[in-house]
Amino acid sequence: MSVNRLRRYDKIKFATWVANGQSACSEPWKWHELFKGRATYCLRAKQKRRLGWSQAALQF
């Protein structure tokens, strides 16, 4: 499996997780496990979450 495919799958998983109304604090560490060894990508994902996705997550 390519890394890009994995990343897209992880993004979809996270978007689904947020859409399902999970609390922003319910399982953050489980999600974080997916990014071990991918520090740069993780930082980018954090920035994206801060800008857009986190706004949705924090409403739940």
PDB file of N, CA and C in Angstrom:
ATOM      1  N   MET A   1       0.842  -1.200   0.000  1.00  0.00           N
ATOM      2  CA  MET A   1       0.000   0.000   0.000  1.00  0.00           C
ATOM      3  C   MET A   1       0.879   1.253   0.000  1.00  0.00           C
ATOM      4  N   SER A   2       0.488   2.218  -0.761  1.00  0.00           N
ATOM      5  CA  SER A   2       1.293   3.440  -0.822  1.00  0.00           C
ATOM      6  C   SER A   2       1.011   4.328   0.384  1.00  0.00           C
ATOM      7  N   VAL A   3       1.979   5.160   0.712  1.00  0.00           N
ATOM      8  CA  VAL A   3       1.818   6.071   1.847  1.00  0.00           C
ATOM      9  C   VAL A   3       0.679   7.045   1.579  1.00  0.00           C
ATOM     10  N   ASN A   4       0.580   7.523   0.335  1.00  0.00           N
ATOM     11  CA  ASN A   4      -0.477   8.476   0.011  1.00  0.00           C
ATOM     12  C   ASN A   4      -1.857   7.879   0.244  1.00  0.00           C
ATOM     13  N   ARG A   5      -2.000   6.607  -0.132  1.00  0.00           N
ATOM     14  CA  ARG A   5      -3.293   5.959   0.063  1.00  0.00           C
ATOM     15  C   ARG A   5      -3.609   5.856   1.551  1.00  0.00           C
ATOM     16  N   LEU A   6      -2.575   5.517   2.330  1.00  0.00           N
ATOM     17  CA  LEU A   6      -2.760   5.436   3.777  1.00  0.00           C
ATOM     18  C   LEU A   6      -3.188   6.778   4.345  1.00  0.00           C
ATOM     19  N   ARG A   7      -2.520   7.826   3.911  1.00  0.00           N
ATOM     20  CA  ARG A   7      -2.833   9.144   4.445  1.00  0.00           C
ATOM     21  C   ARG A   7      -4.260   9.542   4.109  1.00  0.00           C
ATOM     22  N   ARG A   8      -4.671   9.267   2.872  1.00  0.00           N
ATOM     23  CA  ARG A   8      -6.036   9.619   2.488  1.00  0.00           C
ATOM     24  C   ARG A   8      -7.029   8.827   3.332  1.00  0.00           C
ATOM     25  N   TYR A   9      -6.740   7.536   3.528  1.00  0.00           N
ATOM     26  CA  TYR A   9      -7.620   6.689   4.330  1.00  0.00           C
ATOM     27  C   TYR A   9      -7.721   7.226   5.757  1.00  0.00           C
ATOM     28  N   ASP A  10      -6.578   7.628   6.318  1.00  0.00           N
ATOM     29  CA  ASP A  10      -6.576   8.164   7.678  1.00  0.00           C
ATOM     30  C   ASP A  10      -7.387   9.445   7.757  1.00  0.00           C
ATOM     31  N   LYS A  11      -7.262  10.292   6.738  1.00  0.00           N
ATOM     32  CA  LYS A  11      -8.031  11.535   6.727  1.00  0.00           C
ATOM     33  C   LYS A  11      -9.524  11.238   6.706  1.00  0.00           C
ATOM     34  N   ILE A  12      -9.910  10.279   5.877  1.00  0.00           N
ATOM     35  CA  ILE A  12     -11.325   9.912   5.785  1.00  0.00           C
ATOM     36  C   ILE A  12     -11.808   9.368   7.121  1.00  0.00           C
ATOM     37  N   LYS A  13     -10.961   8.546   7.751  1.00  0.00           N
ATOM     38  CA  LYS A  13     -11.316   7.990   9.049  1.00  0.00           C
ATOM     39  C   LYS A  13     -11.547   9.103  10.063  1.00  0.00           C
ATOM     40  N   PHE A  14     -10.657  10.093  10.051  1.00  0.00           N
ATOM     41  CA  PHE A  14     -10.790  11.183  11.014  1.00  0.00           C
ATOM     42  C   PHE A  14     -12.039  12.009  10.732  1.00  0.00           C
ATOM     43  N   ALA A  15     -12.276  12.300   9.453  1.00  0.00           N
ATOM     44  CA  ALA A  15     -13.458  13.081   9.092  1.00  0.00           C
ATOM     45  C   ALA A  15     -14.729  12.349   9.513  1.00  0.00           C
ATOM     46  N   THR A  16     -14.733  11.036   9.339  1.00  0.00           N
ATOM     47  CA  THR A  16     -15.894  10.239   9.737  1.00  0.00           C
ATOM     48  C   THR A  16     -16.063  10.274  11.245  1.00  0.00           C
ATOM     49  N   TRP A  17     -14.938  10.159  11.939  1.00  0.00           N
ATOM     50  CA  TRP A  17     -14.922  10.179  13.405  1.00  0.00           C
ATOM     51  C   TRP A  17     -15.525  11.482  13.918  1.00  0.00           C
ATOM     52  N   VAL A  18     -15.147  12.604  13.282  1.00  0.00           N
ATOM     53  CA  VAL A  18     -15.693  13.903  13.678  1.00  0.00           C
ATOM     54  C   VAL A  18     -17.169  13.982  13.314  1.00  0.00           C
ATOM     55  N   ALA A  19     -17.512  13.537  12.102  1.00  0.00           N
ATOM     56  CA  ALA A  19     -18.895  13.619  11.633  1.00  0.00           C
ATOM     57  C   ALA A  19     -19.830  12.791  12.506  1.00  0.00           C
ATOM     58  N   ASN A  20     -19.304  11.720  13.093  1.00  0.00           N
ATOM     59  CA  ASN A  20     -20.129  10.869  13.938  1.00  0.00           C
ATOM     60  C   ASN A  20     -20.388  11.490  15.305  1.00  0.00           C
ATOM     61  N   GLY A  21     -19.871  12.692  15.517  1.00  0.00           N
ATOM     62  CA  GLY A  21     -20.164  13.400  16.748  1.00  0.00           C
ATOM     63  C   GLY A  21     -19.310  12.971  17.920  1.00  0.00           C
ATOM     64  N   GLN A  22     -18.142  12.375  17.651  1.00  0.00           N
ATOM     65  CA  GLN A  22     -17.252  12.003  18.745  1.00  0.00           C
ATOM     66  C   GLN A  22     -16.750  13.267  19.434  1.00  0.00           C
ATOM     67  N   SER A  23     -16.570  13.178  20.726  1.00  0.00           N
ATOM     68  CA  SER A  23     -15.987  14.295  21.457  1.00  0.00           C
ATOM     69  C   SER A  23     -14.558  14.513  20.988  1.00  0.00           C
ATOM     70  N   ALA A  24     -14.126  15.776  20.967  1.00  0.00           N
ATOM     71  CA  ALA A  24     -12.760  16.086  20.543  1.00  0.00           C
ATOM     72  C   ALA A  24     -11.748  15.409  21.467  1.00  0.00           C
ATOM     73  N   CYS A  25     -12.182  15.007  22.656  1.00  0.00           N
ATOM     74  CA  CYS A  25     -11.258  14.420  23.629  1.00  0.00           C
ATOM     75  C   CYS A  25     -11.488  12.924  23.831  1.00  0.00           C
ATOM     76  N   SER A  26     -12.372  12.304  23.058  1.00  0.00           N
ATOM     77  CA  SER A  26     -12.736  10.921  23.374  1.00  0.00           C
ATOM     78  C   SER A  26     -11.612   9.927  23.106  1.00  0.00           C
ATOM     79  N   GLU A  27     -11.018   9.958  21.905  1.00  0.00           N
ATOM     80  CA  GLU A  27      -9.963   8.987  21.605  1.00  0.00           C
ATOM     81  C   GLU A  27      -8.822   9.635  20.841  1.00  0.00           C
ATOM     82  N   PRO A  28      -8.282  10.760  21.327  1.00  0.00           N
ATOM     83  CA  PRO A  28      -7.245  11.447  20.546  1.00  0.00           C
ATOM     84  C   PRO A  28      -5.972  10.627  20.413  1.00  0.00           C
ATOM     85  N   TRP A  29      -5.646   9.828  21.430  1.00  0.00           N
ATOM     86  CA  TRP A  29      -4.372   9.107  21.382  1.00  0.00           C
ATOM     87  C   TRP A  29      -4.448   7.947  20.415  1.00  0.00           C
ATOM     88  N   LYS A  30      -5.607   7.317  20.320  1.00  0.00           N
ATOM     89  CA  LYS A  30      -5.763   6.236  19.354  1.00  0.00           C
ATOM     90  C   LYS A  30      -5.548   6.775  17.947  1.00  0.00           C
ATOM     91  N   TRP A  31      -6.138   7.954  17.683  1.00  0.00           N
ATOM     92  CA  TRP A  31      -5.955   8.587  16.371  1.00  0.00           C
ATOM     93  C   TRP A  31      -4.491   8.927  16.155  1.00  0.00           C
ATOM     94  N   HIS A  32      -3.834   9.440  17.194  1.00  0.00           N
ATOM     95  CA  HIS A  32      -2.444   9.874  17.095  1.00  0.00           C
ATOM     96  C   HIS A  32      -1.509   8.729  16.724  1.00  0.00           C
ATOM     97  N   GLU A  33      -1.848   7.520  17.145  1.00  0.00           N
ATOM     98  CA  GLU A  33      -1.011   6.350  16.840  1.00  0.00           C
ATOM     99  C   GLU A  33      -0.777   6.219  15.343  1.00  0.00           C
ATOM    100  N   LEU A  34      -1.757   6.613  14.547  1.00  0.00           N
ATOM    101  CA  LEU A  34      -1.647   6.472  13.096  1.00  0.00           C
ATOM    102  C   LEU A  34      -0.523   7.322  12.533  1.00  0.00           C
ATOM    103  N   PHE A  35      -0.107   8.346  13.282  1.00  0.00           N
ATOM    104  CA  PHE A  35       0.883   9.276  12.754  1.00  0.00           C
ATOM    105  C   PHE A  35       2.269   9.085  13.349  1.00  0.00           C
ATOM    106  N   LYS A  36       2.454   8.012  14.122  1.00  0.00           N
ATOM    107  CA  LYS A  36       3.788   7.767  14.687  1.00  0.00           C
ATOM    108  C   LYS A  36       4.788   7.605  13.556  1.00  0.00           C
ATOM    109  N   GLY A  37       5.916   8.297  13.671  1.00  0.00           N
ATOM    110  CA  GLY A  37       6.916   8.205  12.621  1.00  0.00           C
ATOM    111  C   GLY A  37       6.611   9.073  11.417  1.00  0.00           C
ATOM    112  N   ARG A  38       5.568   9.887  11.525  1.00  0.00           N
ATOM    113  CA  ARG A  38       5.215  10.787  10.419  1.00  0.00           C
ATOM    114  C   ARG A  38       5.049  12.193  10.977  1.00  0.00           C
ATOM    115  N   ALA A  39       6.082  12.676  11.659  1.00  0.00           N
ATOM    116  CA  ALA A  39       5.979  13.928  12.412  1.00  0.00           C
ATOM    117  C   ALA A  39       5.567  15.104  11.540  1.00  0.00           C
ATOM    118  N   THR A  40       6.191  15.238  10.378  1.00  0.00           N
ATOM    119  CA  THR A  40       5.893  16.379   9.514  1.00  0.00           C
ATOM    120  C   THR A  40       4.437  16.356   9.096  1.00  0.00           C
ATOM    121  N   TYR A  41       3.976  15.183   8.676  1.00  0.00           N
ATOM    122  CA  TYR A  41       2.583  15.072   8.251  1.00  0.00           C
ATOM    123  C   TYR A  41       1.649  15.357   9.419  1.00  0.00           C
ATOM    124  N   CYS A  42       2.035  14.876  10.597  1.00  0.00           N
ATOM    125  CA  CYS A  42       1.209  15.094  11.779  1.00  0.00           C
ATOM    126  C   CYS A  42       1.057  16.582  12.059  1.00  0.00           C
ATOM    127  N   LEU A  43       2.162  17.316  11.944  1.00  0.00           N
ATOM    128  CA  LEU A  43       2.098  18.756  12.177  1.00  0.00           C
ATOM    129  C   LEU A  43       1.157  19.423  11.185  1.00  0.00           C
ATOM    130  N   ARG A  44       1.246  18.997   9.923  1.00  0.00           N
ATOM    131  CA  ARG A  44       0.363  19.575   8.913  1.00  0.00           C
ATOM    132  C   ARG A  44      -1.091  19.265   9.243  1.00  0.00           C
ATOM    133  N   ALA A  45      -1.342  18.045   9.674  1.00  0.00           N
ATOM    134  CA  ALA A  45      -2.706  17.654  10.019  1.00  0.00           C
ATOM    135  C   ALA A  45      -3.209  18.475  11.201  1.00  0.00           C
ATOM    136  N   LYS A  46      -2.322  18.726  12.169  1.00  0.00           N
ATOM    137  CA  LYS A  46      -2.711  19.546  13.316  1.00  0.00           C
ATOM    138  C   LYS A  46      -3.094  20.946  12.868  1.00  0.00           C
ATOM    139  N   GLN A  47      -2.311  21.514  11.958  1.00  0.00           N
ATOM    140  CA  GLN A  47      -2.616  22.858  11.466  1.00  0.00           C
ATOM    141  C   GLN A  47      -3.963  22.867  10.758  1.00  0.00           C
ATOM    142  N   LYS A  48      -4.213  21.863   9.929  1.00  0.00           N
ATOM    143  CA  LYS A  48      -5.495  21.777   9.226  1.00  0.00           C
ATOM    144  C   LYS A  48      -6.630  21.666  10.229  1.00  0.00           C
ATOM    145  N   ARG A  49      -6.412  20.834  11.252  1.00  0.00           N
ATOM    146  CA  ARG A  49      -7.450  20.670  12.263  1.00  0.00           C
ATOM    147  C   ARG A  49      -7.717  21.986  12.967  1.00  0.00           C
ATOM    148  N   ARG A  50      -6.629  22.720  13.275  1.00  0.00           N
ATOM    149  CA  ARG A  50      -6.781  23.997  13.946  1.00  0.00           C
ATOM    150  C   ARG A  50      -7.597  24.959  13.089  1.00  0.00           C
ATOM    151  N   LEU A  51      -7.319  24.946  11.785  1.00  0.00           N
ATOM    152  CA  LEU A  51      -7.975  25.896  10.889  1.00  0.00           C
ATOM    153  C   LEU A  51      -9.429  25.530  10.626  1.00  0.00           C
ATOM    154  N   GLY A  52      -9.712  24.273  10.382  1.00  0.00           N
ATOM    155  CA  GLY A  52     -11.061  23.907   9.963  1.00  0.00           C
ATOM    156  C   GLY A  52     -11.698  22.796  10.768  1.00  0.00           C
ATOM    157  N   TRP A  53     -11.066  21.614  10.725  1.00  0.00           N
ATOM    158  CA  TRP A  53     -11.686  20.449  11.318  1.00  0.00           C
ATOM    159  C   TRP A  53     -11.922  20.601  12.807  1.00  0.00           C
ATOM    160  N   SER A  54     -10.980  21.214  13.531  1.00  0.00           N
ATOM    161  CA  SER A  54     -11.117  21.317  14.981  1.00  0.00           C
ATOM    162  C   SER A  54     -12.330  22.161  15.336  1.00  0.00           C
ATOM    163  N   GLN A  55     -12.646  23.134  14.501  1.00  0.00           N
ATOM    164  CA  GLN A  55     -13.824  23.965  14.768  1.00  0.00           C
ATOM    165  C   GLN A  55     -15.061  23.073  14.839  1.00  0.00           C
ATOM    166  N   ALA A  56     -15.163  22.120  13.923  1.00  0.00           N
ATOM    167  CA  ALA A  56     -16.298  21.199  13.929  1.00  0.00           C
ATOM    168  C   ALA A  56     -16.221  20.269  15.134  1.00  0.00           C
ATOM    169  N   ALA A  57     -15.021  19.763  15.423  1.00  0.00           N
ATOM    170  CA  ALA A  57     -14.857  18.801  16.516  1.00  0.00           C
ATOM    171  C   ALA A  57     -15.188  19.431  17.864  1.00  0.00           C
ATOM    172  N   LEU A  58     -14.803  20.679  18.051  1.00  0.00           N
ATOM    173  CA  LEU A  58     -14.995  21.328  19.348  1.00  0.00           C
ATOM    174  C   LEU A  58     -16.459  21.650  19.630  1.00  0.00           C
ATOM    175  N   GLN A  59     -17.307  21.576  18.610  1.00  0.00           N
ATOM    176  CA  GLN A  59     -18.725  21.882  18.827  1.00  0.00           C
ATOM    177  C   GLN A  59     -19.440  20.729  19.522  1.00  0.00           C
ATOM    178  N   PHE A  60     -18.899  19.513  19.404  1.00  0.00           N
ATOM    179  CA  PHE A  60     -19.568  18.355  19.988  1.00  0.00           C
ATOM    180  C   PHE A  60     -19.346  18.300  21.487  1.00  0.00           C
TER     181      PHE A  60
END
